[in-house]
Each structure stands twice: as C-alpha cells, then as structure tokens.
N, C-alpha and C. Protein backbone atom coordinates (compact mmCIF):
# COMPACT_ATOMS: atom_id res chain seq x y z
N MET A 1 37.06 -2.85 -1.31
CA MET A 1 36.26 -1.85 -2.02
C MET A 1 35.64 -0.89 -1.02
N SER A 2 35.59 0.38 -1.35
CA SER A 2 35.06 1.39 -0.45
C SER A 2 33.59 1.14 -0.15
N SER A 3 33.20 1.42 1.10
CA SER A 3 31.80 1.32 1.48
C SER A 3 31.12 2.69 1.50
N VAL A 4 31.82 3.70 1.04
CA VAL A 4 31.30 5.07 1.06
C VAL A 4 30.32 5.26 -0.11
N PRO A 5 29.14 5.80 0.16
CA PRO A 5 28.20 6.06 -0.94
C PRO A 5 28.75 7.08 -1.93
N VAL A 6 28.34 6.93 -3.18
CA VAL A 6 28.63 7.91 -4.22
C VAL A 6 27.37 8.75 -4.40
N VAL A 7 27.50 10.06 -4.29
CA VAL A 7 26.37 10.96 -4.44
C VAL A 7 26.54 11.78 -5.71
N TRP A 8 25.54 11.72 -6.55
CA TRP A 8 25.53 12.52 -7.78
C TRP A 8 24.46 13.60 -7.64
N SER A 9 24.86 14.85 -7.61
CA SER A 9 23.91 15.96 -7.69
C SER A 9 23.57 16.17 -9.16
N ILE A 10 22.30 16.05 -9.48
CA ILE A 10 21.85 16.17 -10.88
C ILE A 10 21.50 17.64 -11.08
N ASP A 11 22.51 18.47 -11.21
CA ASP A 11 22.30 19.92 -11.13
C ASP A 11 22.99 20.72 -12.23
N ASN A 12 23.55 20.03 -13.24
CA ASN A 12 24.19 20.75 -14.33
C ASN A 12 24.27 19.83 -15.54
N LEU A 13 24.68 20.39 -16.67
CA LEU A 13 24.72 19.64 -17.94
C LEU A 13 26.14 19.48 -18.47
N VAL A 14 27.13 19.58 -17.58
CA VAL A 14 28.53 19.48 -17.98
C VAL A 14 29.20 18.24 -17.39
N ALA A 15 29.07 18.07 -16.07
CA ALA A 15 29.69 16.92 -15.40
C ALA A 15 28.83 16.56 -14.20
N ILE A 16 28.58 15.27 -14.01
CA ILE A 16 27.82 14.76 -12.87
C ILE A 16 28.67 13.73 -12.16
N GLY A 17 28.87 13.94 -10.87
CA GLY A 17 29.72 13.04 -10.11
C GLY A 17 31.15 13.04 -10.59
N GLY A 18 31.56 14.14 -11.23
CA GLY A 18 32.91 14.23 -11.77
C GLY A 18 33.08 13.57 -13.11
N HIS A 19 31.99 13.11 -13.72
CA HIS A 19 32.05 12.39 -14.99
C HIS A 19 31.41 13.22 -16.10
N ARG A 20 31.98 13.13 -17.28
CA ARG A 20 31.49 13.89 -18.43
C ARG A 20 30.05 13.53 -18.76
N VAL A 21 29.29 14.54 -19.15
CA VAL A 21 27.88 14.37 -19.51
C VAL A 21 27.70 14.63 -21.00
N THR A 22 26.93 13.77 -21.66
CA THR A 22 26.49 13.99 -23.03
C THR A 22 25.01 14.32 -22.99
N VAL A 23 24.62 15.44 -23.59
CA VAL A 23 23.24 15.91 -23.53
C VAL A 23 22.50 15.54 -24.80
N VAL A 24 21.28 15.04 -24.65
CA VAL A 24 20.37 14.77 -25.76
C VAL A 24 19.19 15.71 -25.62
N GLY A 25 18.82 16.39 -26.71
CA GLY A 25 17.71 17.33 -26.64
C GLY A 25 18.10 18.59 -25.89
N SER A 26 17.15 19.12 -25.12
CA SER A 26 17.36 20.40 -24.43
C SER A 26 16.88 20.35 -22.98
N PRO A 27 17.38 19.41 -22.18
CA PRO A 27 16.99 19.43 -20.77
C PRO A 27 17.45 20.73 -20.11
N ARG A 28 16.72 21.16 -19.06
CA ARG A 28 17.00 22.43 -18.43
C ARG A 28 17.40 22.24 -16.98
N VAL A 29 18.33 23.06 -16.52
CA VAL A 29 18.64 23.14 -15.10
C VAL A 29 17.66 24.12 -14.47
N VAL A 30 16.95 23.68 -13.43
CA VAL A 30 15.93 24.51 -12.79
C VAL A 30 16.19 24.58 -11.29
N ASP A 31 15.67 25.61 -10.67
CA ASP A 31 15.76 25.76 -9.22
C ASP A 31 14.55 25.11 -8.56
N THR A 32 14.80 24.42 -7.43
CA THR A 32 13.73 23.86 -6.61
C THR A 32 13.97 24.28 -5.17
N PRO A 33 12.99 24.11 -4.29
CA PRO A 33 13.22 24.48 -2.89
C PRO A 33 14.37 23.71 -2.24
N GLU A 34 14.72 22.54 -2.79
CA GLU A 34 15.79 21.74 -2.22
C GLU A 34 17.11 21.88 -2.98
N GLY A 35 17.14 22.73 -3.99
CA GLY A 35 18.36 22.90 -4.79
C GLY A 35 18.07 22.72 -6.26
N LYS A 36 19.11 22.80 -7.06
CA LYS A 36 18.94 22.69 -8.50
C LYS A 36 18.63 21.25 -8.91
N ALA A 37 17.94 21.13 -10.05
CA ALA A 37 17.60 19.82 -10.61
C ALA A 37 17.62 19.96 -12.13
N ILE A 38 17.58 18.82 -12.82
CA ILE A 38 17.43 18.83 -14.27
C ILE A 38 15.99 18.46 -14.61
N GLU A 39 15.42 19.25 -15.51
CA GLU A 39 14.04 19.04 -15.95
C GLU A 39 14.05 18.47 -17.37
N PHE A 40 13.25 17.42 -17.58
CA PHE A 40 13.17 16.71 -18.85
C PHE A 40 11.76 16.87 -19.43
N ASN A 41 11.68 16.98 -20.78
CA ASN A 41 10.39 17.31 -21.41
C ASN A 41 9.54 16.09 -21.77
N GLY A 42 10.03 14.88 -21.56
CA GLY A 42 9.23 13.69 -21.82
C GLY A 42 9.18 13.25 -23.27
N ALA A 43 9.93 13.93 -24.14
CA ALA A 43 9.86 13.60 -25.57
C ALA A 43 11.22 13.53 -26.24
N SER A 44 12.18 14.33 -25.77
CA SER A 44 13.47 14.37 -26.48
C SER A 44 14.65 14.72 -25.59
N ASP A 45 14.46 14.79 -24.28
CA ASP A 45 15.52 15.23 -23.37
C ASP A 45 16.11 14.07 -22.58
N GLY A 46 17.43 14.04 -22.51
CA GLY A 46 18.11 13.07 -21.68
C GLY A 46 19.54 13.49 -21.45
N VAL A 47 20.18 12.88 -20.46
CA VAL A 47 21.61 13.06 -20.25
C VAL A 47 22.25 11.69 -20.06
N PHE A 48 23.46 11.56 -20.61
CA PHE A 48 24.25 10.34 -20.46
C PHE A 48 25.50 10.68 -19.66
N VAL A 49 25.71 9.95 -18.58
CA VAL A 49 26.89 10.11 -17.75
C VAL A 49 27.86 8.99 -18.10
N GLU A 50 29.09 9.36 -18.42
CA GLU A 50 30.05 8.36 -18.90
C GLU A 50 30.69 7.62 -17.73
N ASN A 51 29.84 6.90 -16.99
CA ASN A 51 30.29 6.12 -15.84
C ASN A 51 29.21 5.12 -15.46
N ASN A 52 29.63 3.95 -15.00
CA ASN A 52 28.73 2.96 -14.42
C ASN A 52 29.02 2.89 -12.92
N PRO A 53 28.19 3.51 -12.08
CA PRO A 53 28.48 3.52 -10.65
C PRO A 53 28.29 2.17 -9.97
N LEU A 54 27.73 1.19 -10.68
CA LEU A 54 27.56 -0.17 -10.13
C LEU A 54 28.73 -1.09 -10.47
N ALA A 55 29.69 -0.62 -11.26
CA ALA A 55 30.77 -1.49 -11.72
C ALA A 55 31.48 -2.15 -10.54
N GLY A 56 31.53 -3.48 -10.57
CA GLY A 56 32.23 -4.26 -9.56
C GLY A 56 31.48 -4.50 -8.27
N LEU A 57 30.27 -3.98 -8.14
CA LEU A 57 29.54 -4.10 -6.87
C LEU A 57 28.74 -5.40 -6.80
N GLU A 58 28.97 -6.18 -5.75
CA GLU A 58 28.20 -7.39 -5.50
C GLU A 58 26.88 -7.09 -4.81
N ARG A 59 26.84 -5.99 -4.07
CA ARG A 59 25.64 -5.52 -3.37
C ARG A 59 25.54 -4.02 -3.59
N PHE A 60 24.32 -3.51 -3.62
CA PHE A 60 24.19 -2.07 -3.86
C PHE A 60 22.78 -1.60 -3.56
N THR A 61 22.67 -0.29 -3.38
CA THR A 61 21.39 0.41 -3.35
C THR A 61 21.51 1.65 -4.22
N ILE A 62 20.58 1.82 -5.15
CA ILE A 62 20.49 3.02 -5.97
C ILE A 62 19.27 3.80 -5.48
N GLU A 63 19.47 5.06 -5.12
CA GLU A 63 18.36 5.93 -4.72
C GLU A 63 18.30 7.12 -5.66
N VAL A 64 17.10 7.52 -6.04
CA VAL A 64 16.89 8.62 -6.97
C VAL A 64 15.82 9.54 -6.40
N VAL A 65 16.15 10.83 -6.30
CA VAL A 65 15.19 11.84 -5.87
C VAL A 65 14.63 12.49 -7.14
N PHE A 66 13.32 12.38 -7.34
CA PHE A 66 12.74 12.80 -8.61
C PHE A 66 11.30 13.25 -8.42
N SER A 67 10.81 14.03 -9.39
CA SER A 67 9.43 14.49 -9.40
C SER A 67 8.85 14.28 -10.79
N PRO A 68 8.01 13.27 -10.98
CA PRO A 68 7.43 13.03 -12.30
C PRO A 68 6.27 13.97 -12.58
N ALA A 69 6.18 14.45 -13.82
CA ALA A 69 5.06 15.29 -14.22
C ALA A 69 3.78 14.45 -14.29
N ALA A 70 2.66 15.14 -14.28
CA ALA A 70 1.36 14.46 -14.31
C ALA A 70 0.94 14.07 -15.71
N ASP A 71 1.64 14.58 -16.73
CA ASP A 71 1.19 14.36 -18.11
C ASP A 71 2.27 13.75 -18.99
N GLY A 72 3.12 12.93 -18.42
CA GLY A 72 4.12 12.24 -19.22
C GLY A 72 3.56 10.99 -19.88
N GLY A 73 4.46 10.23 -20.54
CA GLY A 73 4.05 8.99 -21.19
C GLY A 73 3.77 7.89 -20.18
N GLU A 74 3.14 6.83 -20.66
CA GLU A 74 2.80 5.72 -19.76
C GLU A 74 4.05 5.02 -19.23
N GLU A 75 5.01 4.75 -20.10
CA GLU A 75 6.23 4.04 -19.71
C GLU A 75 7.40 5.02 -19.75
N GLN A 76 8.05 5.21 -18.61
CA GLN A 76 9.14 6.17 -18.53
C GLN A 76 10.32 5.56 -17.78
N ARG A 77 11.48 5.48 -18.49
CA ARG A 77 12.71 5.00 -17.87
C ARG A 77 13.52 6.22 -17.47
N PHE A 78 13.67 6.47 -16.17
CA PHE A 78 14.38 7.68 -15.78
C PHE A 78 15.80 7.42 -15.30
N VAL A 79 16.17 6.18 -15.00
CA VAL A 79 17.58 5.83 -14.75
C VAL A 79 17.87 4.49 -15.42
N HIS A 80 18.92 4.46 -16.22
CA HIS A 80 19.33 3.25 -16.95
C HIS A 80 20.84 3.14 -16.82
N ILE A 81 21.30 2.10 -16.13
CA ILE A 81 22.72 1.84 -15.95
C ILE A 81 23.04 0.55 -16.69
N GLU A 82 24.00 0.59 -17.61
CA GLU A 82 24.27 -0.58 -18.44
C GLU A 82 25.76 -0.80 -18.65
N GLU A 83 26.14 -2.07 -18.60
CA GLU A 83 27.51 -2.50 -18.88
C GLU A 83 27.76 -2.42 -20.38
N THR A 84 28.91 -1.95 -20.77
CA THR A 84 29.22 -1.77 -22.19
C THR A 84 29.20 -3.09 -22.94
N GLY A 85 28.43 -3.15 -24.01
CA GLY A 85 28.50 -4.25 -24.96
C GLY A 85 27.78 -5.53 -24.61
N THR A 86 27.08 -5.59 -23.45
CA THR A 86 26.46 -6.86 -23.04
C THR A 86 24.96 -6.81 -22.90
N GLY A 87 24.40 -5.65 -22.65
CA GLY A 87 22.98 -5.55 -22.32
C GLY A 87 22.67 -5.83 -20.87
N ASN A 88 23.68 -6.20 -20.07
CA ASN A 88 23.46 -6.37 -18.64
C ASN A 88 23.20 -4.99 -18.03
N ARG A 89 22.14 -4.88 -17.21
CA ARG A 89 21.71 -3.54 -16.84
C ARG A 89 20.83 -3.52 -15.60
N ALA A 90 20.66 -2.29 -15.10
CA ALA A 90 19.70 -1.98 -14.04
C ALA A 90 18.85 -0.81 -14.53
N LEU A 91 17.55 -0.92 -14.34
CA LEU A 91 16.62 0.12 -14.78
C LEU A 91 15.70 0.53 -13.63
N ILE A 92 15.49 1.83 -13.50
CA ILE A 92 14.47 2.36 -12.60
C ILE A 92 13.49 3.13 -13.46
N GLU A 93 12.23 2.71 -13.42
CA GLU A 93 11.23 3.20 -14.34
C GLU A 93 9.95 3.53 -13.57
N LEU A 94 9.00 4.13 -14.26
CA LEU A 94 7.67 4.28 -13.70
C LEU A 94 6.64 3.99 -14.77
N ARG A 95 5.45 3.67 -14.29
CA ARG A 95 4.29 3.54 -15.16
C ARG A 95 3.27 4.58 -14.71
N LEU A 96 2.91 5.49 -15.61
CA LEU A 96 1.91 6.51 -15.31
C LEU A 96 0.53 5.90 -15.52
N LEU A 97 -0.32 6.03 -14.51
CA LEU A 97 -1.63 5.38 -14.51
C LEU A 97 -2.74 6.42 -14.52
N PRO A 98 -3.97 6.02 -14.83
CA PRO A 98 -5.08 6.98 -14.82
C PRO A 98 -5.18 7.68 -13.47
N GLY A 99 -5.54 8.97 -13.53
CA GLY A 99 -5.64 9.75 -12.31
C GLY A 99 -4.37 10.46 -11.94
N ALA A 100 -3.41 10.51 -12.89
CA ALA A 100 -2.13 11.19 -12.66
C ALA A 100 -1.37 10.62 -11.47
N VAL A 101 -1.47 9.30 -11.31
CA VAL A 101 -0.65 8.60 -10.32
C VAL A 101 0.28 7.65 -11.05
N TRP A 102 1.30 7.16 -10.35
CA TRP A 102 2.28 6.29 -10.98
C TRP A 102 2.67 5.18 -10.02
N CYS A 103 3.23 4.11 -10.59
CA CYS A 103 3.81 3.04 -9.79
C CYS A 103 5.24 2.80 -10.26
N LEU A 104 6.05 2.28 -9.36
CA LEU A 104 7.45 2.02 -9.66
C LEU A 104 7.61 0.71 -10.41
N ASP A 105 8.55 0.70 -11.34
CA ASP A 105 8.88 -0.48 -12.14
C ASP A 105 10.40 -0.56 -12.19
N THR A 106 10.99 -1.64 -11.68
CA THR A 106 12.45 -1.78 -11.71
C THR A 106 12.82 -3.10 -12.36
N PHE A 107 14.06 -3.16 -12.85
CA PHE A 107 14.49 -4.32 -13.65
C PHE A 107 15.99 -4.52 -13.47
N LEU A 108 16.39 -5.78 -13.28
CA LEU A 108 17.80 -6.18 -13.32
C LEU A 108 17.96 -7.29 -14.33
N ARG A 109 19.06 -7.23 -15.09
CA ARG A 109 19.37 -8.31 -16.03
C ARG A 109 20.86 -8.56 -16.03
N HIS A 110 21.22 -9.86 -15.98
CA HIS A 110 22.60 -10.28 -16.21
C HIS A 110 22.56 -11.60 -16.97
N GLY A 111 22.96 -11.55 -18.24
CA GLY A 111 22.88 -12.76 -19.07
C GLY A 111 21.45 -13.22 -19.21
N ASP A 112 21.21 -14.51 -18.90
CA ASP A 112 19.87 -15.06 -19.01
C ASP A 112 19.01 -14.79 -17.78
N ALA A 113 19.61 -14.24 -16.73
CA ALA A 113 18.88 -13.98 -15.50
C ALA A 113 18.31 -12.56 -15.53
N SER A 114 17.03 -12.44 -15.19
CA SER A 114 16.42 -11.11 -15.14
C SER A 114 15.21 -11.15 -14.22
N LEU A 115 14.84 -9.96 -13.73
CA LEU A 115 13.67 -9.85 -12.87
C LEU A 115 13.11 -8.44 -12.99
N THR A 116 11.78 -8.37 -13.11
CA THR A 116 11.04 -7.12 -13.06
C THR A 116 10.22 -7.08 -11.78
N LEU A 117 10.24 -5.94 -11.10
CA LEU A 117 9.37 -5.72 -9.94
C LEU A 117 8.40 -4.60 -10.27
N ILE A 118 7.11 -4.85 -10.11
CA ILE A 118 6.10 -3.83 -10.32
C ILE A 118 4.83 -4.24 -9.58
N ASP A 119 4.18 -3.27 -8.95
CA ASP A 119 2.89 -3.50 -8.30
C ASP A 119 2.02 -2.29 -8.61
N ARG A 120 1.11 -2.45 -9.56
CA ARG A 120 0.29 -1.34 -10.02
C ARG A 120 -0.70 -0.86 -8.96
N ALA A 121 -0.88 -1.63 -7.90
CA ALA A 121 -1.78 -1.20 -6.83
C ALA A 121 -1.12 -0.22 -5.87
N MET A 122 0.21 -0.11 -5.93
CA MET A 122 0.94 0.79 -5.03
C MET A 122 1.28 2.06 -5.81
N THR A 123 0.43 3.05 -5.69
CA THR A 123 0.53 4.25 -6.52
C THR A 123 0.92 5.47 -5.70
N HIS A 124 1.39 6.49 -6.44
CA HIS A 124 1.93 7.70 -5.81
C HIS A 124 1.54 8.90 -6.66
N ARG A 125 1.47 10.06 -6.01
CA ARG A 125 1.06 11.29 -6.69
C ARG A 125 2.16 11.78 -7.62
N SER A 126 1.76 12.23 -8.78
CA SER A 126 2.67 12.91 -9.68
C SER A 126 2.84 14.36 -9.23
N ALA A 127 3.79 15.05 -9.88
CA ALA A 127 4.03 16.48 -9.63
C ALA A 127 4.41 16.75 -8.17
N SER A 128 5.06 15.79 -7.53
CA SER A 128 5.63 15.99 -6.20
C SER A 128 6.89 15.14 -6.10
N TRP A 129 7.72 15.47 -5.11
CA TRP A 129 9.03 14.80 -4.98
C TRP A 129 8.91 13.47 -4.27
N HIS A 130 9.65 12.49 -4.79
CA HIS A 130 9.68 11.14 -4.23
C HIS A 130 11.11 10.60 -4.30
N VAL A 131 11.33 9.50 -3.57
CA VAL A 131 12.60 8.78 -3.67
C VAL A 131 12.30 7.34 -4.05
N ALA A 132 12.85 6.91 -5.18
CA ALA A 132 12.80 5.51 -5.58
C ALA A 132 14.13 4.86 -5.23
N ALA A 133 14.08 3.65 -4.69
CA ALA A 133 15.30 2.94 -4.30
C ALA A 133 15.25 1.52 -4.85
N LEU A 134 16.33 1.09 -5.47
CA LEU A 134 16.50 -0.27 -5.97
C LEU A 134 17.72 -0.86 -5.29
N SER A 135 17.56 -2.03 -4.65
CA SER A 135 18.68 -2.65 -3.94
C SER A 135 18.86 -4.10 -4.37
N PHE A 136 20.08 -4.59 -4.15
CA PHE A 136 20.41 -5.99 -4.43
C PHE A 136 21.42 -6.44 -3.38
N ASP A 137 21.15 -7.55 -2.70
CA ASP A 137 22.01 -8.01 -1.60
C ASP A 137 22.90 -9.20 -1.97
N GLY A 138 23.01 -9.48 -3.27
CA GLY A 138 23.76 -10.64 -3.72
C GLY A 138 22.86 -11.80 -4.14
N GLN A 139 21.62 -11.76 -3.67
CA GLN A 139 20.64 -12.78 -4.05
C GLN A 139 19.27 -12.20 -4.36
N THR A 140 18.88 -11.20 -3.58
CA THR A 140 17.52 -10.68 -3.65
C THR A 140 17.51 -9.22 -4.08
N MET A 141 16.66 -8.92 -5.04
CA MET A 141 16.40 -7.56 -5.50
C MET A 141 15.16 -7.05 -4.77
N ALA A 142 15.19 -5.78 -4.38
CA ALA A 142 14.03 -5.17 -3.73
C ALA A 142 13.92 -3.72 -4.17
N HIS A 143 12.71 -3.16 -4.07
CA HIS A 143 12.60 -1.73 -4.32
C HIS A 143 11.63 -1.08 -3.34
N HIS A 144 11.87 0.23 -3.15
CA HIS A 144 11.11 1.05 -2.21
C HIS A 144 10.70 2.35 -2.90
N VAL A 145 9.60 2.93 -2.44
CA VAL A 145 9.25 4.31 -2.75
C VAL A 145 9.00 5.03 -1.43
N ASP A 146 9.72 6.11 -1.22
CA ASP A 146 9.55 6.91 -0.01
C ASP A 146 9.63 6.05 1.25
N CYS A 147 10.65 5.18 1.27
CA CYS A 147 10.98 4.34 2.43
C CYS A 147 9.96 3.24 2.70
N VAL A 148 9.10 2.93 1.74
CA VAL A 148 8.15 1.82 1.87
C VAL A 148 8.52 0.74 0.87
N ARG A 149 8.79 -0.45 1.37
CA ARG A 149 9.16 -1.58 0.50
C ARG A 149 7.95 -1.97 -0.34
N GLN A 150 8.17 -2.15 -1.64
CA GLN A 150 7.06 -2.40 -2.55
C GLN A 150 7.22 -3.66 -3.39
N GLY A 151 8.26 -4.41 -3.15
CA GLY A 151 8.43 -5.66 -3.88
C GLY A 151 9.82 -6.21 -3.73
N SER A 152 9.96 -7.52 -3.93
CA SER A 152 11.28 -8.15 -3.88
C SER A 152 11.22 -9.49 -4.59
N GLY A 153 12.40 -10.02 -4.93
CA GLY A 153 12.46 -11.32 -5.56
C GLY A 153 13.91 -11.73 -5.79
N ALA A 154 14.13 -13.01 -5.97
CA ALA A 154 15.48 -13.53 -6.19
C ALA A 154 15.86 -13.41 -7.66
N VAL A 155 17.13 -13.06 -7.92
CA VAL A 155 17.65 -12.98 -9.28
C VAL A 155 19.15 -13.19 -9.24
N ALA A 156 19.68 -13.92 -10.22
CA ALA A 156 21.12 -14.24 -10.27
C ALA A 156 21.88 -13.11 -10.97
N PHE A 157 21.82 -11.94 -10.39
CA PHE A 157 22.52 -10.77 -10.93
C PHE A 157 23.97 -10.81 -10.48
N LYS A 158 24.88 -10.44 -11.36
CA LYS A 158 26.31 -10.47 -11.07
C LYS A 158 26.89 -9.06 -11.21
N PRO A 159 28.05 -8.81 -10.60
CA PRO A 159 28.65 -7.48 -10.74
C PRO A 159 28.86 -7.08 -12.19
N LEU A 160 28.58 -5.84 -12.48
CA LEU A 160 28.75 -5.31 -13.82
C LEU A 160 30.16 -4.78 -14.04
N GLY A 161 30.55 -4.72 -15.31
CA GLY A 161 31.78 -4.06 -15.69
C GLY A 161 31.53 -2.60 -16.01
N PRO A 162 32.52 -1.91 -16.55
CA PRO A 162 32.36 -0.50 -16.90
C PRO A 162 31.22 -0.29 -17.89
N GLY A 163 30.66 0.90 -17.85
CA GLY A 163 29.57 1.23 -18.75
C GLY A 163 29.18 2.68 -18.58
N ARG A 164 27.90 2.96 -18.82
CA ARG A 164 27.43 4.34 -18.72
C ARG A 164 26.04 4.37 -18.11
N THR A 165 25.60 5.58 -17.76
CA THR A 165 24.31 5.79 -17.11
C THR A 165 23.53 6.84 -17.89
N SER A 166 22.27 6.55 -18.18
CA SER A 166 21.41 7.58 -18.76
C SER A 166 20.36 7.97 -17.73
N ILE A 167 20.02 9.27 -17.75
CA ILE A 167 19.02 9.83 -16.86
C ILE A 167 18.01 10.55 -17.74
N GLY A 168 16.74 10.22 -17.55
CA GLY A 168 15.69 10.86 -18.34
C GLY A 168 15.24 10.09 -19.56
N VAL A 169 15.94 8.99 -19.87
CA VAL A 169 15.58 8.21 -21.05
C VAL A 169 16.32 6.87 -21.01
N ARG A 170 15.74 5.87 -21.64
CA ARG A 170 16.45 4.61 -21.84
C ARG A 170 17.59 4.85 -22.83
N GLN A 171 18.62 4.03 -22.75
CA GLN A 171 19.83 4.31 -23.54
C GLN A 171 19.63 4.14 -25.05
N ASN A 172 18.58 3.47 -25.47
CA ASN A 172 18.29 3.41 -26.90
C ASN A 172 17.29 4.49 -27.33
N LEU A 173 17.15 5.51 -26.48
CA LEU A 173 16.37 6.71 -26.79
C LEU A 173 14.89 6.41 -27.02
N VAL A 174 14.34 5.62 -26.12
CA VAL A 174 12.89 5.43 -26.05
C VAL A 174 12.47 5.58 -24.59
N SER A 175 11.17 5.65 -24.35
CA SER A 175 10.61 5.72 -22.99
C SER A 175 11.12 6.95 -22.23
N TRP A 176 10.91 8.12 -22.81
CA TRP A 176 11.38 9.38 -22.25
C TRP A 176 10.65 9.73 -20.96
N PHE A 177 11.36 10.34 -20.04
CA PHE A 177 10.82 10.76 -18.74
C PHE A 177 10.43 12.23 -18.79
N LYS A 178 9.26 12.55 -18.23
CA LYS A 178 8.86 13.95 -18.10
C LYS A 178 8.81 14.30 -16.62
N GLY A 179 9.63 15.26 -16.24
CA GLY A 179 9.70 15.66 -14.84
C GLY A 179 11.09 16.12 -14.49
N ARG A 180 11.43 16.02 -13.20
CA ARG A 180 12.70 16.53 -12.70
C ARG A 180 13.43 15.46 -11.90
N VAL A 181 14.74 15.47 -12.00
CA VAL A 181 15.60 14.58 -11.21
C VAL A 181 16.62 15.47 -10.50
N ARG A 182 16.77 15.28 -9.19
CA ARG A 182 17.62 16.17 -8.40
C ARG A 182 18.88 15.52 -7.87
N LEU A 183 18.81 14.23 -7.55
CA LEU A 183 19.96 13.60 -6.89
C LEU A 183 19.90 12.09 -7.05
N MET A 184 21.08 11.47 -7.14
CA MET A 184 21.21 10.01 -7.07
C MET A 184 22.25 9.67 -6.03
N ARG A 185 22.01 8.60 -5.28
CA ARG A 185 23.00 8.08 -4.34
C ARG A 185 23.16 6.59 -4.58
N ILE A 186 24.39 6.15 -4.76
CA ILE A 186 24.69 4.74 -4.99
C ILE A 186 25.56 4.27 -3.84
N THR A 187 25.06 3.30 -3.09
CA THR A 187 25.74 2.76 -1.91
C THR A 187 26.14 1.32 -2.18
N PRO A 188 27.41 0.93 -1.90
CA PRO A 188 27.85 -0.44 -2.15
C PRO A 188 27.42 -1.41 -1.05
N ALA A 189 26.15 -1.35 -0.67
CA ALA A 189 25.55 -2.19 0.36
C ALA A 189 24.05 -1.98 0.28
N VAL A 190 23.29 -2.81 0.97
CA VAL A 190 21.85 -2.60 1.07
C VAL A 190 21.61 -1.61 2.21
N VAL A 191 21.02 -0.47 1.88
CA VAL A 191 20.74 0.55 2.87
C VAL A 191 19.49 0.15 3.66
N PRO A 192 19.54 0.13 4.99
CA PRO A 192 18.33 -0.18 5.76
C PRO A 192 17.21 0.81 5.44
N THR A 193 15.99 0.32 5.50
CA THR A 193 14.85 1.16 5.14
C THR A 193 14.85 2.48 5.91
N ALA A 194 15.17 2.44 7.18
CA ALA A 194 15.14 3.65 8.00
C ALA A 194 16.17 4.67 7.57
N ASP A 195 17.20 4.23 6.83
CA ASP A 195 18.28 5.13 6.43
C ASP A 195 18.19 5.58 4.98
N LEU A 196 17.14 5.17 4.27
CA LEU A 196 16.97 5.61 2.89
C LEU A 196 16.70 7.12 2.84
N LEU A 197 17.04 7.71 1.72
CA LEU A 197 16.82 9.14 1.54
C LEU A 197 15.33 9.48 1.62
N ARG A 198 15.06 10.71 2.06
CA ARG A 198 13.73 11.29 2.00
C ARG A 198 13.70 12.35 0.91
N ALA A 199 12.53 12.59 0.36
CA ALA A 199 12.45 13.55 -0.73
C ALA A 199 12.80 14.96 -0.29
N SER A 200 12.48 15.31 0.95
CA SER A 200 12.82 16.62 1.50
C SER A 200 13.73 16.40 2.70
N MET A 201 14.92 16.99 2.63
CA MET A 201 15.92 16.74 3.67
C MET A 201 16.44 18.05 4.22
C-alpha cells in the first residue's frame, strides 16, 4: 500500500481529491490569505465526498486545517468518515465553550470497540486557523491541535471498507459546523508531531 499522503484541497463544490461532491445547503467558496476554503453556515451547509480515504488503512493520521466561528453551536462535527452500511467511523469534532473558545473532540468506532478523546481544559481561540489531527497506530488513538498532543487511548479499531466523507456536518445531518475548512491530509502512517501541518504554511 502506498505511503504517500492524500491531500484534499477543500476549495470547490464540484470535486475534492478527484472525487465527486454532493452539496447540502449553500456552502460558499471563499478566499483566505492561504488560499480558497469552503465556508459553512452552522445550520444547513455541508459537503459529502464520495470516498473513504481511510479504506484499508491499518495506521493513519487525518489532519484538517480549519477556522471555527465564534458563534456556532456547542457540538459541531466537521469531519465524518464512515464505512458504508456498518456505522464504523472516524469523527473529528469540536465543543464550543463559554468565552468563544473550543476544545477538540474525536471519536473512533469499529463494531463494539469505540473511544472518545476530549479534554475541555485544553481550549483554543475561535475565528482563527488551526490544525486538528487524529491518528491511529494500530493500537492507540491520539489527537493533536496545532502540533500539541491533547489525548490518547487504546481502541480496537480495524481497517475500514469503502464509504464516504462529510465535511461541515455529521452524515445524518446533525451537529452542523460554522466556520471554514481549507485542507485535509490523510497519511497512511502516524505523522510525527514535528511534521504535522501548521495552520499557516
């Protein structure tokens, strides 16, 4: 299996990473200092990419460059990758907290095995660019924000089959994200902390 990362520029509403996009609501393509991004309204906007970039991977790192708004909902799922027909999935989420700050919330599930990572004491400013990273090394799940490790734990997650990816909303159309997403990188290995993406490159 290739060890080359897959990079998805989240910069249009037609195809992402060469895969067809299904649009929900009216997300907008906007210009940012680092390039184009998709902006979501937090109530009805999402995009579905007809691909599961984790399919077949025993180890992986998902990185997302995003900027959450200061006035979105409390629970926001901004990346949801799911295997068709099973509910096995990976989620990258945030919890918006008082003071317009947020904490990262990630989740892996395969069959009866699942794990949530969240630390509400590790908060970050809204309305600015950040990188969230979720990794799995075959035994241990971990997550980072802006190259700082914020939690880890063991989970019996197994490689997923084909499926799809939603950006800006959970796949059952709840927990809408308000803000912007600019890029995703999926690496079939655990990326060392020093090599994780930065929000400004």
